[in-house]
Amino acid sequence: MKITFEDIYNNKEIQLYIRQADESMRAMGYTEHSFAHVGRVANWAQDILLKLGYSERDAELARIAAYLHDMGNIINRQDHAQNSALMAFQLLKEMQADPEDIAAIITAIGNHDEGTAFPVNPISAAIILADKADVRCSRVRNKDFATFDIHDRVNYSVKKSELHVEKDSYIELQLLIDTEVCAVMDYFEIFMQRMLLCRKAAEKLNLQFRLTINNQRIL
């Protein structure tokens, strides 16, 4: 059975897991990982593959995988990518999804976290790029600026983040940062590993990865 994104989006059980996973992240002091995040990552991942000429089905599988990629936070933040993949496997089996689609989805989900990730296929590469690009002030939950840690400061400083895809050439993460909140070097202090992973993901898609902050090319 060909599972569609609408099937996933409207599934009440999946909605519950995403919501509760985000509540776990909230309790631990992490930034927002709920529907705003997974929805944004899902749309970006799909858009990346469509702009690069991949099939509509591959793009939809990327959108599905991206929407499910953080469910594992309901179990624990550690190994959440692998836990998300296992949860997705069980859910998709119960929904009688095609084994080929299940394989593509769980492979991508299990390879999105920078601690263990590798862009093993175009779908996983698209999710990595979309996930690491979602840096924005609205993800910060802490309302007390005086108690911000570096992750809060970096996310809060980002007023705009966009991905620009130039087929057969490059994919560029464009950030607009308030440097009075966070210095550019602070961004690299916590996100360098993510940017290196984005470079590998772009290479998987036969692209160069670029990073522009405040209209200045950084990478």
N, C-alpha and C. Protein backbone atom coordinates (compact mmCIF):
# COMPACT_ATOMS: atom_id res chain seq x y z
N MET A 1 0.84 -1.19 0.00
CA MET A 1 0.00 0.00 0.00
C MET A 1 0.88 1.25 0.00
N LYS A 2 0.55 2.19 -0.89
CA LYS A 2 1.30 3.43 -0.97
C LYS A 2 0.78 4.43 0.08
N ILE A 3 1.55 4.59 1.15
CA ILE A 3 1.18 5.53 2.19
C ILE A 3 1.46 6.96 1.70
N THR A 4 0.52 7.86 1.94
CA THR A 4 0.69 9.25 1.54
C THR A 4 1.03 10.10 2.76
N PHE A 5 1.51 11.31 2.50
CA PHE A 5 1.79 12.21 3.60
C PHE A 5 0.51 12.54 4.38
N GLU A 6 -0.60 12.64 3.66
CA GLU A 6 -1.87 12.93 4.33
C GLU A 6 -2.25 11.82 5.30
N ASP A 7 -1.96 10.57 4.96
CA ASP A 7 -2.21 9.45 5.87
C ASP A 7 -1.43 9.64 7.17
N ILE A 8 -0.19 10.07 7.05
CA ILE A 8 0.66 10.27 8.22
C ILE A 8 0.20 11.49 9.01
N TYR A 9 -0.06 12.56 8.31
CA TYR A 9 -0.44 13.83 8.94
C TYR A 9 -1.73 13.70 9.75
N ASN A 10 -2.67 12.90 9.26
CA ASN A 10 -3.98 12.78 9.90
C ASN A 10 -4.05 11.64 10.90
N ASN A 11 -2.97 10.92 11.11
CA ASN A 11 -2.97 9.78 12.02
C ASN A 11 -2.91 10.28 13.47
N LYS A 12 -3.92 9.98 14.24
CA LYS A 12 -4.04 10.49 15.61
C LYS A 12 -2.95 9.94 16.52
N GLU A 13 -2.55 8.71 16.29
CA GLU A 13 -1.51 8.11 17.12
C GLU A 13 -0.18 8.83 16.88
N ILE A 14 0.12 9.11 15.64
CA ILE A 14 1.34 9.84 15.32
C ILE A 14 1.31 11.24 15.92
N GLN A 15 0.18 11.90 15.82
CA GLN A 15 0.04 13.23 16.42
C GLN A 15 0.32 13.19 17.92
N LEU A 16 -0.18 12.17 18.58
CA LEU A 16 0.04 12.02 20.01
C LEU A 16 1.53 11.86 20.33
N TYR A 17 2.21 11.01 19.56
CA TYR A 17 3.63 10.76 19.82
C TYR A 17 4.47 12.01 19.59
N ILE A 18 4.17 12.74 18.54
CA ILE A 18 4.92 13.97 18.27
C ILE A 18 4.69 14.99 19.38
N ARG A 19 3.44 15.11 19.80
CA ARG A 19 3.10 16.06 20.86
C ARG A 19 3.79 15.70 22.17
N GLN A 20 3.75 14.42 22.53
CA GLN A 20 4.35 14.00 23.80
C GLN A 20 5.87 14.04 23.73
N ALA A 21 6.43 13.74 22.57
CA ALA A 21 7.89 13.84 22.41
C ALA A 21 8.34 15.28 22.66
N ASP A 22 7.58 16.23 22.15
CA ASP A 22 7.93 17.63 22.37
C ASP A 22 7.78 18.03 23.83
N GLU A 23 6.80 17.46 24.51
CA GLU A 23 6.65 17.75 25.93
C GLU A 23 7.86 17.23 26.71
N SER A 24 8.39 16.10 26.31
CA SER A 24 9.60 15.58 26.94
C SER A 24 10.77 16.54 26.71
N MET A 25 10.87 17.06 25.50
CA MET A 25 11.93 18.02 25.19
C MET A 25 11.77 19.31 25.98
N ARG A 26 10.52 19.73 26.14
CA ARG A 26 10.25 20.93 26.94
C ARG A 26 10.72 20.73 28.39
N ALA A 27 10.41 19.56 28.93
CA ALA A 27 10.78 19.27 30.32
C ALA A 27 12.29 19.28 30.52
N MET A 28 13.04 18.90 29.46
CA MET A 28 14.49 18.88 29.55
C MET A 28 15.14 20.20 29.18
N GLY A 29 14.31 21.18 28.80
CA GLY A 29 14.84 22.50 28.49
C GLY A 29 15.29 22.69 27.06
N TYR A 30 14.88 21.80 26.16
CA TYR A 30 15.26 21.92 24.75
C TYR A 30 14.33 22.86 24.01
N THR A 31 14.78 23.28 22.84
CA THR A 31 13.96 24.12 21.98
C THR A 31 12.79 23.32 21.42
N GLU A 32 11.86 23.99 20.77
CA GLU A 32 10.65 23.39 20.23
C GLU A 32 10.96 22.32 19.21
N HIS A 33 10.34 21.15 19.38
CA HIS A 33 10.48 20.03 18.45
C HIS A 33 9.11 19.47 18.07
N SER A 34 8.10 20.32 18.06
CA SER A 34 6.74 19.86 17.82
C SER A 34 6.35 20.01 16.35
N PHE A 35 5.06 20.29 16.11
CA PHE A 35 4.53 20.29 14.75
C PHE A 35 5.13 21.40 13.89
N ALA A 36 5.48 22.52 14.48
CA ALA A 36 6.10 23.59 13.71
C ALA A 36 7.44 23.12 13.13
N HIS A 37 8.23 22.45 13.97
CA HIS A 37 9.54 21.99 13.52
C HIS A 37 9.41 20.87 12.48
N VAL A 38 8.67 19.82 12.81
CA VAL A 38 8.62 18.69 11.88
C VAL A 38 7.90 19.07 10.58
N GLY A 39 6.94 19.98 10.67
CA GLY A 39 6.26 20.43 9.47
C GLY A 39 7.18 21.22 8.56
N ARG A 40 7.97 22.09 9.15
CA ARG A 40 8.92 22.90 8.38
C ARG A 40 9.98 22.01 7.73
N VAL A 41 10.52 21.08 8.50
CA VAL A 41 11.54 20.17 7.97
C VAL A 41 10.95 19.30 6.86
N ALA A 42 9.72 18.83 7.05
CA ALA A 42 9.07 17.99 6.04
C ALA A 42 8.90 18.74 4.72
N ASN A 43 8.44 19.97 4.80
CA ASN A 43 8.23 20.75 3.58
C ASN A 43 9.55 21.08 2.88
N TRP A 44 10.57 21.41 3.66
CA TRP A 44 11.88 21.70 3.08
C TRP A 44 12.48 20.47 2.42
N ALA A 45 12.41 19.32 3.10
CA ALA A 45 12.99 18.10 2.54
C ALA A 45 12.34 17.74 1.21
N GLN A 46 11.03 17.83 1.17
CA GLN A 46 10.31 17.56 -0.07
C GLN A 46 10.73 18.55 -1.16
N ASP A 47 10.80 19.82 -0.80
CA ASP A 47 11.13 20.86 -1.77
C ASP A 47 12.53 20.67 -2.35
N ILE A 48 13.48 20.27 -1.50
CA ILE A 48 14.85 20.05 -1.97
C ILE A 48 14.87 19.00 -3.08
N LEU A 49 14.23 17.87 -2.85
CA LEU A 49 14.27 16.79 -3.84
C LEU A 49 13.51 17.15 -5.11
N LEU A 50 12.40 17.85 -4.97
CA LEU A 50 11.65 18.26 -6.17
C LEU A 50 12.47 19.23 -7.02
N LYS A 51 13.14 20.17 -6.37
CA LYS A 51 13.94 21.14 -7.11
C LYS A 51 15.13 20.50 -7.80
N LEU A 52 15.58 19.37 -7.26
CA LEU A 52 16.72 18.67 -7.85
C LEU A 52 16.30 17.64 -8.90
N GLY A 53 15.00 17.53 -9.15
CA GLY A 53 14.52 16.64 -10.20
C GLY A 53 14.25 15.22 -9.78
N TYR A 54 14.24 14.94 -8.47
CA TYR A 54 13.87 13.60 -8.02
C TYR A 54 12.37 13.39 -8.21
N SER A 55 11.95 12.14 -8.17
CA SER A 55 10.54 11.82 -8.42
C SER A 55 9.65 12.39 -7.32
N GLU A 56 8.40 12.58 -7.67
CA GLU A 56 7.44 13.06 -6.68
C GLU A 56 7.30 12.07 -5.53
N ARG A 57 7.44 10.78 -5.83
CA ARG A 57 7.32 9.78 -4.77
C ARG A 57 8.49 9.86 -3.81
N ASP A 58 9.71 10.00 -4.33
CA ASP A 58 10.86 10.16 -3.45
C ASP A 58 10.71 11.41 -2.58
N ALA A 59 10.20 12.47 -3.18
CA ALA A 59 10.01 13.71 -2.43
C ALA A 59 8.95 13.53 -1.34
N GLU A 60 7.91 12.76 -1.65
CA GLU A 60 6.87 12.52 -0.64
C GLU A 60 7.41 11.63 0.48
N LEU A 61 8.24 10.65 0.15
CA LEU A 61 8.84 9.80 1.18
C LEU A 61 9.75 10.63 2.09
N ALA A 62 10.46 11.58 1.52
CA ALA A 62 11.28 12.48 2.33
C ALA A 62 10.40 13.31 3.25
N ARG A 63 9.28 13.77 2.74
CA ARG A 63 8.36 14.56 3.57
C ARG A 63 7.81 13.72 4.72
N ILE A 64 7.45 12.47 4.43
CA ILE A 64 6.94 11.57 5.47
C ILE A 64 8.02 11.31 6.52
N ALA A 65 9.21 10.96 6.07
CA ALA A 65 10.30 10.65 7.00
C ALA A 65 10.63 11.85 7.87
N ALA A 66 10.64 13.02 7.28
CA ALA A 66 10.95 14.23 8.04
C ALA A 66 9.88 14.51 9.09
N TYR A 67 8.65 14.24 8.75
CA TYR A 67 7.56 14.49 9.72
C TYR A 67 7.66 13.56 10.93
N LEU A 68 8.22 12.37 10.72
CA LEU A 68 8.32 11.38 11.78
C LEU A 68 9.68 11.37 12.49
N HIS A 69 10.61 12.21 12.05
CA HIS A 69 12.02 12.03 12.42
C HIS A 69 12.34 12.26 13.89
N ASP A 70 11.50 12.96 14.64
CA ASP A 70 11.81 13.26 16.04
C ASP A 70 10.89 12.57 17.04
N MET A 71 10.07 11.64 16.60
CA MET A 71 9.16 10.94 17.52
C MET A 71 9.90 10.25 18.66
N GLY A 72 11.10 9.78 18.39
CA GLY A 72 11.85 9.01 19.37
C GLY A 72 12.23 9.79 20.61
N ASN A 73 12.08 11.12 20.57
CA ASN A 73 12.32 11.92 21.77
C ASN A 73 11.34 11.56 22.89
N ILE A 74 10.25 10.89 22.53
CA ILE A 74 9.30 10.47 23.56
C ILE A 74 9.93 9.41 24.47
N ILE A 75 10.91 8.68 23.95
CA ILE A 75 11.61 7.66 24.74
C ILE A 75 12.78 8.26 25.49
N ASN A 76 13.65 8.95 24.74
CA ASN A 76 14.80 9.62 25.34
C ASN A 76 15.48 10.42 24.25
N ARG A 77 16.13 11.52 24.63
CA ARG A 77 16.86 12.30 23.64
C ARG A 77 18.03 11.50 23.06
N GLN A 78 18.69 10.74 23.94
CA GLN A 78 19.79 9.92 23.46
C GLN A 78 19.25 8.83 22.53
N ASP A 79 19.90 8.66 21.40
CA ASP A 79 19.49 7.66 20.39
C ASP A 79 18.09 7.94 19.84
N HIS A 80 17.68 9.20 19.84
CA HIS A 80 16.30 9.49 19.42
C HIS A 80 16.10 9.21 17.93
N ALA A 81 17.15 9.33 17.13
CA ALA A 81 16.99 9.04 15.71
C ALA A 81 16.67 7.57 15.48
N GLN A 82 17.40 6.70 16.15
CA GLN A 82 17.17 5.27 16.02
C GLN A 82 15.81 4.87 16.61
N ASN A 83 15.47 5.48 17.75
CA ASN A 83 14.15 5.19 18.34
C ASN A 83 13.02 5.67 17.44
N SER A 84 13.22 6.82 16.81
CA SER A 84 12.21 7.33 15.87
C SER A 84 12.03 6.37 14.70
N ALA A 85 13.15 5.83 14.21
CA ALA A 85 13.08 4.90 13.09
C ALA A 85 12.33 3.62 13.47
N LEU A 86 12.59 3.11 14.67
CA LEU A 86 11.91 1.91 15.12
C LEU A 86 10.41 2.14 15.31
N MET A 87 10.07 3.30 15.86
CA MET A 87 8.66 3.63 16.03
C MET A 87 7.98 3.76 14.67
N ALA A 88 8.65 4.43 13.73
CA ALA A 88 8.09 4.59 12.39
C ALA A 88 7.90 3.24 11.71
N PHE A 89 8.85 2.34 11.90
CA PHE A 89 8.75 1.00 11.31
C PHE A 89 7.47 0.31 11.78
N GLN A 90 7.22 0.33 13.09
CA GLN A 90 6.04 -0.34 13.63
C GLN A 90 4.75 0.31 13.12
N LEU A 91 4.72 1.64 13.13
CA LEU A 91 3.53 2.35 12.68
C LEU A 91 3.24 2.09 11.21
N LEU A 92 4.28 2.15 10.39
CA LEU A 92 4.10 1.95 8.96
C LEU A 92 3.71 0.50 8.63
N LYS A 93 4.26 -0.45 9.39
CA LYS A 93 3.85 -1.84 9.21
C LYS A 93 2.37 -2.00 9.50
N GLU A 94 1.91 -1.37 10.58
CA GLU A 94 0.50 -1.47 10.94
C GLU A 94 -0.40 -0.80 9.91
N MET A 95 0.15 0.21 9.22
CA MET A 95 -0.60 0.90 8.17
C MET A 95 -0.48 0.18 6.83
N GLN A 96 0.23 -0.96 6.82
CA GLN A 96 0.42 -1.80 5.64
C GLN A 96 1.12 -1.06 4.50
N ALA A 97 2.11 -0.27 4.87
CA ALA A 97 2.91 0.43 3.86
C ALA A 97 3.78 -0.56 3.10
N ASP A 98 4.13 -0.20 1.86
CA ASP A 98 5.02 -1.04 1.06
C ASP A 98 6.37 -1.18 1.76
N PRO A 99 6.94 -2.39 1.79
CA PRO A 99 8.24 -2.58 2.43
C PRO A 99 9.33 -1.67 1.86
N GLU A 100 9.30 -1.43 0.55
CA GLU A 100 10.31 -0.55 -0.05
C GLU A 100 10.22 0.86 0.52
N ASP A 101 8.99 1.34 0.70
CA ASP A 101 8.79 2.68 1.27
C ASP A 101 9.22 2.71 2.73
N ILE A 102 8.87 1.66 3.47
CA ILE A 102 9.28 1.60 4.88
C ILE A 102 10.80 1.64 4.99
N ALA A 103 11.47 0.88 4.16
CA ALA A 103 12.93 0.83 4.20
C ALA A 103 13.53 2.21 3.95
N ALA A 104 13.02 2.90 2.94
CA ALA A 104 13.54 4.23 2.61
C ALA A 104 13.30 5.21 3.75
N ILE A 105 12.12 5.15 4.36
CA ILE A 105 11.76 6.09 5.42
C ILE A 105 12.59 5.87 6.67
N ILE A 106 12.67 4.62 7.14
CA ILE A 106 13.38 4.39 8.41
C ILE A 106 14.89 4.56 8.25
N THR A 107 15.41 4.29 7.05
CA THR A 107 16.84 4.55 6.81
C THR A 107 17.14 6.03 6.95
N ALA A 108 16.28 6.86 6.37
CA ALA A 108 16.48 8.31 6.45
C ALA A 108 16.33 8.82 7.88
N ILE A 109 15.31 8.35 8.59
CA ILE A 109 15.08 8.80 9.96
C ILE A 109 16.26 8.41 10.86
N GLY A 110 16.72 7.20 10.73
CA GLY A 110 17.80 6.71 11.58
C GLY A 110 19.14 7.36 11.32
N ASN A 111 19.22 8.16 10.25
CA ASN A 111 20.49 8.79 9.88
C ASN A 111 20.37 10.31 9.81
N HIS A 112 19.67 10.92 10.77
CA HIS A 112 19.54 12.38 10.72
C HIS A 112 20.25 13.10 11.86
N ASP A 113 20.57 12.41 12.94
CA ASP A 113 21.19 13.09 14.09
C ASP A 113 22.70 13.16 13.90
N GLU A 114 23.28 14.35 14.14
CA GLU A 114 24.70 14.54 13.81
C GLU A 114 25.63 13.63 14.58
N GLY A 115 25.18 13.09 15.71
CA GLY A 115 26.05 12.21 16.48
C GLY A 115 26.33 10.89 15.80
N THR A 116 25.38 10.40 15.00
CA THR A 116 25.51 9.08 14.38
C THR A 116 25.14 9.08 12.90
N ALA A 117 24.78 10.23 12.36
CA ALA A 117 24.19 10.28 11.01
C ALA A 117 25.22 10.13 9.90
N PHE A 118 24.73 9.62 8.77
CA PHE A 118 25.46 9.64 7.53
C PHE A 118 24.44 9.69 6.40
N PRO A 119 24.63 10.57 5.42
CA PRO A 119 23.64 10.68 4.33
C PRO A 119 23.73 9.49 3.39
N VAL A 120 23.06 8.42 3.73
CA VAL A 120 23.20 7.16 3.00
C VAL A 120 22.43 7.14 1.69
N ASN A 121 21.44 8.03 1.56
CA ASN A 121 20.68 8.11 0.31
C ASN A 121 20.14 9.54 0.16
N PRO A 122 19.59 9.88 -1.00
CA PRO A 122 19.10 11.25 -1.20
C PRO A 122 18.04 11.69 -0.21
N ILE A 123 17.17 10.75 0.21
CA ILE A 123 16.13 11.12 1.17
C ILE A 123 16.74 11.52 2.50
N SER A 124 17.70 10.74 2.98
CA SER A 124 18.34 11.09 4.25
C SER A 124 19.12 12.39 4.12
N ALA A 125 19.75 12.61 2.97
CA ALA A 125 20.49 13.85 2.75
C ALA A 125 19.57 15.06 2.82
N ALA A 126 18.40 14.95 2.20
CA ALA A 126 17.44 16.06 2.21
C ALA A 126 16.95 16.35 3.63
N ILE A 127 16.72 15.29 4.41
CA ILE A 127 16.24 15.49 5.78
C ILE A 127 17.33 16.13 6.64
N ILE A 128 18.56 15.70 6.49
CA ILE A 128 19.67 16.29 7.24
C ILE A 128 19.73 17.80 6.97
N LEU A 129 19.72 18.17 5.71
CA LEU A 129 19.82 19.58 5.35
C LEU A 129 18.64 20.39 5.88
N ALA A 130 17.45 19.84 5.74
CA ALA A 130 16.25 20.56 6.20
C ALA A 130 16.23 20.68 7.73
N ASP A 131 16.60 19.60 8.41
CA ASP A 131 16.57 19.59 9.87
C ASP A 131 17.58 20.58 10.46
N LYS A 132 18.80 20.58 9.93
CA LYS A 132 19.83 21.44 10.49
C LYS A 132 19.62 22.91 10.11
N ALA A 133 18.79 23.14 9.10
CA ALA A 133 18.51 24.52 8.70
C ALA A 133 17.44 25.19 9.57
N ASP A 134 16.71 24.40 10.34
CA ASP A 134 15.61 24.98 11.13
C ASP A 134 16.13 25.58 12.44
N VAL A 135 16.79 26.69 12.29
CA VAL A 135 17.28 27.47 13.44
C VAL A 135 16.51 28.78 13.41
N ARG A 136 15.81 29.11 14.49
CA ARG A 136 14.99 30.33 14.49
C ARG A 136 14.61 30.71 15.91
N CYS A 137 14.34 31.99 16.07
CA CYS A 137 14.04 32.50 17.41
C CYS A 137 12.78 31.91 18.00
N SER A 138 11.80 31.56 17.16
CA SER A 138 10.53 31.06 17.67
C SER A 138 10.63 29.66 18.27
N ARG A 139 11.77 28.99 18.11
CA ARG A 139 11.94 27.68 18.73
C ARG A 139 12.36 27.78 20.20
N VAL A 140 12.79 28.97 20.63
CA VAL A 140 13.25 29.14 22.01
C VAL A 140 12.05 29.27 22.93
N ARG A 141 11.99 28.45 23.97
CA ARG A 141 10.87 28.47 24.92
C ARG A 141 11.17 29.31 26.16
N ASN A 142 12.43 29.37 26.51
CA ASN A 142 12.84 30.12 27.70
C ASN A 142 12.56 31.61 27.48
N LYS A 143 11.79 32.19 28.35
CA LYS A 143 11.42 33.60 28.21
C LYS A 143 12.34 34.53 28.99
N ASP A 144 13.24 33.97 29.77
CA ASP A 144 14.14 34.78 30.60
C ASP A 144 15.50 34.87 29.91
N PHE A 145 15.74 35.98 29.22
CA PHE A 145 16.97 36.15 28.47
C PHE A 145 18.21 36.02 29.35
N ALA A 146 18.08 36.43 30.60
CA ALA A 146 19.22 36.38 31.50
C ALA A 146 19.70 34.96 31.78
N THR A 147 18.84 33.99 31.59
CA THR A 147 19.19 32.60 31.87
C THR A 147 19.45 31.80 30.59
N PHE A 148 19.51 32.46 29.44
CA PHE A 148 19.76 31.75 28.18
C PHE A 148 21.11 31.02 28.23
N ASP A 149 21.12 29.77 27.79
CA ASP A 149 22.41 29.11 27.53
C ASP A 149 22.78 29.41 26.07
N ILE A 150 23.90 28.85 25.61
CA ILE A 150 24.37 29.19 24.27
C ILE A 150 23.40 28.72 23.19
N HIS A 151 22.72 27.59 23.41
CA HIS A 151 21.76 27.11 22.43
C HIS A 151 20.57 28.07 22.32
N ASP A 152 20.10 28.57 23.46
CA ASP A 152 19.02 29.55 23.45
C ASP A 152 19.45 30.82 22.71
N ARG A 153 20.65 31.30 23.01
CA ARG A 153 21.13 32.53 22.40
C ARG A 153 21.26 32.40 20.88
N VAL A 154 21.83 31.28 20.45
CA VAL A 154 22.03 31.09 19.01
C VAL A 154 20.69 31.02 18.29
N ASN A 155 19.78 30.21 18.79
CA ASN A 155 18.47 30.10 18.15
C ASN A 155 17.71 31.42 18.20
N TYR A 156 17.76 32.09 19.35
CA TYR A 156 17.01 33.34 19.51
C TYR A 156 17.55 34.43 18.59
N SER A 157 18.83 34.37 18.28
CA SER A 157 19.44 35.40 17.45
C SER A 157 19.04 35.29 15.98
N VAL A 158 18.57 34.12 15.56
CA VAL A 158 18.26 33.89 14.15
C VAL A 158 16.86 34.40 13.84
N LYS A 159 16.81 35.48 13.10
CA LYS A 159 15.53 36.09 12.76
C LYS A 159 14.95 35.54 11.47
N LYS A 160 15.81 34.93 10.65
CA LYS A 160 15.34 34.36 9.38
C LYS A 160 16.29 33.27 8.94
N SER A 161 15.74 32.15 8.50
CA SER A 161 16.56 31.06 7.95
C SER A 161 15.86 30.51 6.71
N GLU A 162 16.61 30.38 5.64
CA GLU A 162 16.06 29.88 4.38
C GLU A 162 17.06 28.96 3.71
N LEU A 163 16.54 28.03 2.93
CA LEU A 163 17.38 27.17 2.10
C LEU A 163 17.15 27.53 0.64
N HIS A 164 18.24 27.74 -0.07
CA HIS A 164 18.16 28.05 -1.49
C HIS A 164 18.87 26.96 -2.27
N VAL A 165 18.17 26.35 -3.22
CA VAL A 165 18.72 25.26 -4.00
C VAL A 165 18.98 25.73 -5.44
N GLU A 166 20.20 25.54 -5.88
CA GLU A 166 20.58 25.81 -7.26
C GLU A 166 20.96 24.48 -7.89
N LYS A 167 20.09 23.94 -8.73
CA LYS A 167 20.28 22.61 -9.29
C LYS A 167 21.63 22.48 -9.98
N ASP A 168 22.28 21.33 -9.76
CA ASP A 168 23.58 21.01 -10.34
C ASP A 168 24.69 21.93 -9.85
N SER A 169 24.45 22.65 -8.76
CA SER A 169 25.47 23.58 -8.29
C SER A 169 25.62 23.56 -6.77
N TYR A 170 24.66 24.13 -6.05
CA TYR A 170 24.83 24.26 -4.60
C TYR A 170 23.49 24.34 -3.89
N ILE A 171 23.55 24.11 -2.58
CA ILE A 171 22.43 24.40 -1.69
C ILE A 171 22.97 25.32 -0.61
N GLU A 172 22.25 26.39 -0.35
CA GLU A 172 22.76 27.43 0.54
C GLU A 172 21.80 27.67 1.70
N LEU A 173 22.35 27.62 2.91
CA LEU A 173 21.60 28.01 4.10
C LEU A 173 21.86 29.49 4.33
N GLN A 174 20.80 30.27 4.27
CA GLN A 174 20.90 31.72 4.43
C GLN A 174 20.30 32.13 5.77
N LEU A 175 21.13 32.72 6.63
CA LEU A 175 20.69 33.13 7.96
C LEU A 175 20.79 34.63 8.14
N LEU A 176 19.81 35.17 8.83
CA LEU A 176 19.87 36.56 9.28
C LEU A 176 19.95 36.53 10.80
N ILE A 177 21.10 36.95 11.34
CA ILE A 177 21.38 36.84 12.77
C ILE A 177 21.50 38.21 13.41
N ASP A 178 20.91 38.35 14.59
CA ASP A 178 21.10 39.55 15.41
C ASP A 178 22.39 39.36 16.20
N THR A 179 23.45 40.01 15.77
CA THR A 179 24.76 39.80 16.40
C THR A 179 24.87 40.45 17.77
N GLU A 180 23.88 41.24 18.16
CA GLU A 180 23.86 41.77 19.52
C GLU A 180 23.40 40.70 20.51
N VAL A 181 22.71 39.69 20.00
CA VAL A 181 22.26 38.57 20.83
C VAL A 181 23.30 37.46 20.84
N CYS A 182 23.88 37.20 19.67
CA CYS A 182 24.80 36.07 19.51
C CYS A 182 25.83 36.40 18.45
N ALA A 183 27.08 36.20 18.76
CA ALA A 183 28.15 36.40 17.78
C ALA A 183 28.14 35.24 16.78
N VAL A 184 28.60 35.52 15.57
CA VAL A 184 28.66 34.49 14.55
C VAL A 184 29.49 33.29 15.02
N MET A 185 30.57 33.57 15.75
CA MET A 185 31.42 32.48 16.24
C MET A 185 30.69 31.58 17.23
N ASP A 186 29.73 32.11 17.96
CA ASP A 186 28.93 31.28 18.86
C ASP A 186 28.13 30.25 18.06
N TYR A 187 27.64 30.67 16.89
CA TYR A 187 26.91 29.75 16.03
C TYR A 187 27.80 28.56 15.67
N PHE A 188 29.03 28.86 15.29
CA PHE A 188 29.94 27.78 14.90
C PHE A 188 30.35 26.93 16.09
N GLU A 189 30.39 27.52 17.27
CA GLU A 189 30.80 26.76 18.45
C GLU A 189 29.90 25.57 18.69
N ILE A 190 28.60 25.73 18.47
CA ILE A 190 27.68 24.62 18.75
C ILE A 190 27.19 23.91 17.50
N PHE A 191 27.34 24.53 16.33
CA PHE A 191 26.77 23.95 15.12
C PHE A 191 27.80 23.52 14.08
N MET A 192 29.09 23.57 14.40
CA MET A 192 30.09 23.18 13.41
C MET A 192 29.89 21.74 12.93
N GLN A 193 29.62 20.83 13.87
CA GLN A 193 29.40 19.43 13.49
C GLN A 193 28.20 19.30 12.56
N ARG A 194 27.18 20.10 12.82
CA ARG A 194 26.01 20.06 11.95
C ARG A 194 26.33 20.58 10.55
N MET A 195 27.14 21.62 10.48
CA MET A 195 27.49 22.18 9.17
C MET A 195 28.36 21.21 8.37
N LEU A 196 29.24 20.49 9.04
CA LEU A 196 30.05 19.48 8.35
C LEU A 196 29.17 18.35 7.83
N LEU A 197 28.14 17.99 8.62
CA LEU A 197 27.21 16.96 8.17
C LEU A 197 26.40 17.47 6.97
N CYS A 198 26.03 18.74 6.99
CA CYS A 198 25.31 19.33 5.86
C CYS A 198 26.17 19.30 4.60
N ARG A 199 27.46 19.50 4.76
CA ARG A 199 28.37 19.44 3.61
C ARG A 199 28.34 18.03 3.00
N LYS A 200 28.39 17.00 3.86
CA LYS A 200 28.32 15.62 3.37
C LYS A 200 26.98 15.34 2.69
N ALA A 201 25.90 15.86 3.29
CA ALA A 201 24.57 15.65 2.72
C ALA A 201 24.46 16.30 1.35
N ALA A 202 24.99 17.51 1.22
CA ALA A 202 24.97 18.20 -0.07
C ALA A 202 25.76 17.41 -1.11
N GLU A 203 26.90 16.88 -0.71
CA GLU A 203 27.71 16.08 -1.63
C GLU A 203 26.96 14.84 -2.11
N LYS A 204 26.14 14.25 -1.22
CA LYS A 204 25.33 13.10 -1.61
C LYS A 204 24.36 13.47 -2.72
N LEU A 205 23.94 14.73 -2.74
CA LEU A 205 23.02 15.23 -3.76
C LEU A 205 23.76 15.88 -4.92
N ASN A 206 25.09 15.68 -4.95
CA ASN A 206 25.95 16.25 -5.99
C ASN A 206 25.90 17.78 -5.99
N LEU A 207 25.88 18.33 -4.79
CA LEU A 207 25.84 19.77 -4.61
C LEU A 207 26.98 20.23 -3.70
N GLN A 208 27.28 21.51 -3.77
CA GLN A 208 28.17 22.14 -2.80
C GLN A 208 27.30 22.76 -1.71
N PHE A 209 27.75 22.66 -0.45
CA PHE A 209 27.01 23.31 0.64
C PHE A 209 27.59 24.69 0.90
N ARG A 210 26.71 25.67 1.01
CA ARG A 210 27.12 27.03 1.31
C ARG A 210 26.36 27.53 2.54
N LEU A 211 27.03 28.37 3.30
CA LEU A 211 26.41 29.02 4.46
C LEU A 211 26.64 30.51 4.34
N THR A 212 25.55 31.26 4.37
CA THR A 212 25.62 32.72 4.32
C THR A 212 24.96 33.27 5.57
N ILE A 213 25.68 34.14 6.30
CA ILE A 213 25.14 34.78 7.49
C ILE A 213 25.20 36.28 7.30
N ASN A 214 24.04 36.92 7.43
CA ASN A 214 23.93 38.37 7.25
C ASN A 214 24.53 38.81 5.90
N ASN A 215 24.18 38.01 4.86
CA ASN A 215 24.58 38.30 3.49
C ASN A 215 26.07 38.16 3.22
N GLN A 216 26.79 37.53 4.14
CA GLN A 216 28.20 37.27 3.93
C GLN A 216 28.45 35.77 3.85
N ARG A 217 29.15 35.35 2.81
CA ARG A 217 29.46 33.93 2.61
C ARG A 217 30.44 33.48 3.68
N ILE A 218 30.06 32.45 4.44
CA ILE A 218 30.89 31.90 5.50
C ILE A 218 31.55 30.60 5.07
N LEU A 219 30.78 29.74 4.46
CA LEU A 219 31.29 28.46 3.96
C LEU A 219 30.99 28.35 2.46
